[in-house]
Amino acid sequence: MKAVTKKQRMYEITFDQETVGCSNNSNILAAAKRNFLKLPYGCFNGGCGMCKIKIVAGDYEVGLSSKAALPDNEREKGYALACKTYPLSDLMVRVMGR
């Protein structure tokens, strides 16, 4: 059986006035850290909720995270955790914890 791998694509993530590159294989928090942007974070694992963001525009997918850190009603309104969010297009993001 063949392993299925996602083709890597690069996207632009815009945080307020800063724009950084991020591949679809990297989460938004990792891309921000690589580019020396100061986003709040704690566990880097979807459990604490400190890296909460609001996706203003664009397509993305999310990994598993704690419902306590990000309840379903917030997910439905476009909130996500930067440590568990992967771009599928260019994104405009608002950081909630600054």
Protein backbone atom coordinates (compact mmCIF):
# COMPACT_ATOMS: atom_id res chain seq x y z
CA MET A 1 0.00 0.00 0.00
CA LYS A 2 1.29 3.48 -0.89
CA ALA A 3 1.54 6.22 1.68
CA VAL A 4 -0.51 9.27 0.76
CA THR A 5 1.28 12.57 1.26
CA LYS A 6 -0.10 16.04 0.87
CA LYS A 7 1.58 18.19 -1.74
CA GLN A 8 3.17 21.13 0.03
CA ARG A 9 1.76 24.53 -0.86
CA MET A 10 2.78 27.93 0.50
CA TYR A 11 0.29 30.54 1.63
CA GLU A 12 0.42 34.01 3.17
CA ILE A 13 -0.95 34.50 6.67
CA THR A 14 -1.70 38.12 7.57
CA PHE A 15 -1.83 39.05 11.28
CA ASP A 16 -2.94 42.68 11.59
CA GLN A 17 0.00 44.44 9.82
CA GLU A 18 2.40 41.46 9.55
CA THR A 19 2.36 38.85 6.78
CA VAL A 20 4.29 35.57 6.97
CA GLY A 21 4.61 32.51 4.75
CA CYS A 22 3.13 29.22 5.93
CA SER A 23 2.86 25.86 4.21
CA ASN A 24 -0.23 23.70 4.43
CA ASN A 25 1.94 21.21 6.38
CA SER A 26 2.71 23.73 9.15
CA ASN A 27 0.40 25.18 11.77
CA ILE A 28 -0.09 28.93 12.04
CA LEU A 29 1.62 29.21 15.43
CA ALA A 30 4.80 27.52 14.15
CA ALA A 31 4.91 29.86 11.14
CA ALA A 32 4.50 32.90 13.40
CA LYS A 33 7.29 31.73 15.72
CA ARG A 34 9.63 31.05 12.76
CA ASN A 35 9.09 34.65 11.70
CA PHE A 36 9.59 36.09 15.21
CA LEU A 37 5.97 37.21 15.65
CA LYS A 38 4.87 37.29 19.27
CA LEU A 39 1.69 35.25 19.56
CA PRO A 40 0.59 34.08 22.99
CA TYR A 41 0.80 30.32 23.52
CA GLY A 42 1.13 27.84 26.34
CA CYS A 43 1.01 24.15 25.59
CA PHE A 44 1.48 24.14 21.76
CA ASN A 45 -0.86 21.13 21.80
CA GLY A 46 -4.47 22.36 21.59
CA GLY A 47 -5.17 22.11 25.30
CA CYS A 48 -4.77 25.54 26.88
CA GLY A 49 -6.48 27.93 24.43
CA MET A 50 -3.90 30.70 24.82
CA CYS A 51 -3.18 30.82 21.06
CA LYS A 52 -6.82 31.50 20.12
CA ILE A 53 -7.25 33.36 16.84
CA LYS A 54 -10.17 34.49 14.71
CA ILE A 55 -9.97 33.58 11.03
CA VAL A 56 -11.25 36.68 9.25
CA ALA A 57 -10.82 35.39 5.69
CA GLY A 58 -9.57 32.26 3.95
CA ASP A 59 -9.83 28.49 4.08
CA TYR A 60 -8.19 26.28 6.67
CA GLU A 61 -8.35 22.94 8.43
CA VAL A 62 -7.98 22.22 12.11
CA GLY A 63 -6.51 19.37 14.10
CA LEU A 64 -7.85 17.97 17.36
CA SER A 65 -8.04 20.27 20.37
CA SER A 66 -9.72 20.43 23.75
CA LYS A 67 -13.37 21.54 23.73
CA ALA A 68 -12.60 23.43 26.94
CA ALA A 69 -9.95 25.44 25.06
CA LEU A 70 -12.21 26.05 22.05
CA PRO A 71 -15.93 25.25 22.45
CA ASP A 72 -18.02 24.30 19.40
CA ASN A 73 -19.93 27.62 19.41
CA GLU A 74 -16.62 29.50 19.02
CA ARG A 75 -15.45 27.17 16.24
CA GLU A 76 -18.67 27.91 14.36
CA LYS A 77 -17.91 31.65 14.58
CA GLY A 78 -14.47 31.24 12.97
CA TYR A 79 -12.31 30.98 16.06
CA ALA A 80 -9.44 28.50 16.04
CA LEU A 81 -6.26 27.62 17.90
CA ALA A 82 -3.15 28.72 16.01
CA CYS A 83 -1.28 25.59 17.14
CA LYS A 84 -3.87 23.34 15.48
CA THR A 85 -4.79 25.37 12.38
CA TYR A 86 -3.34 24.69 8.91
CA PRO A 87 -3.92 26.99 5.92
CA LEU A 88 -5.63 25.84 2.72
CA SER A 89 -5.44 29.34 1.20
CA ASP A 90 -4.07 32.76 2.10
CA LEU A 91 -5.54 33.79 5.47
CA MET A 92 -6.35 36.96 7.37
CA VAL A 93 -6.12 36.31 11.10
CA ARG A 94 -6.91 38.33 14.22
CA VAL A 95 -4.95 37.36 17.34
CA MET A 96 -7.24 37.25 20.38
CA GLY A 97 -4.78 36.96 23.27
CA ARG A 98 -2.57 40.04 22.73
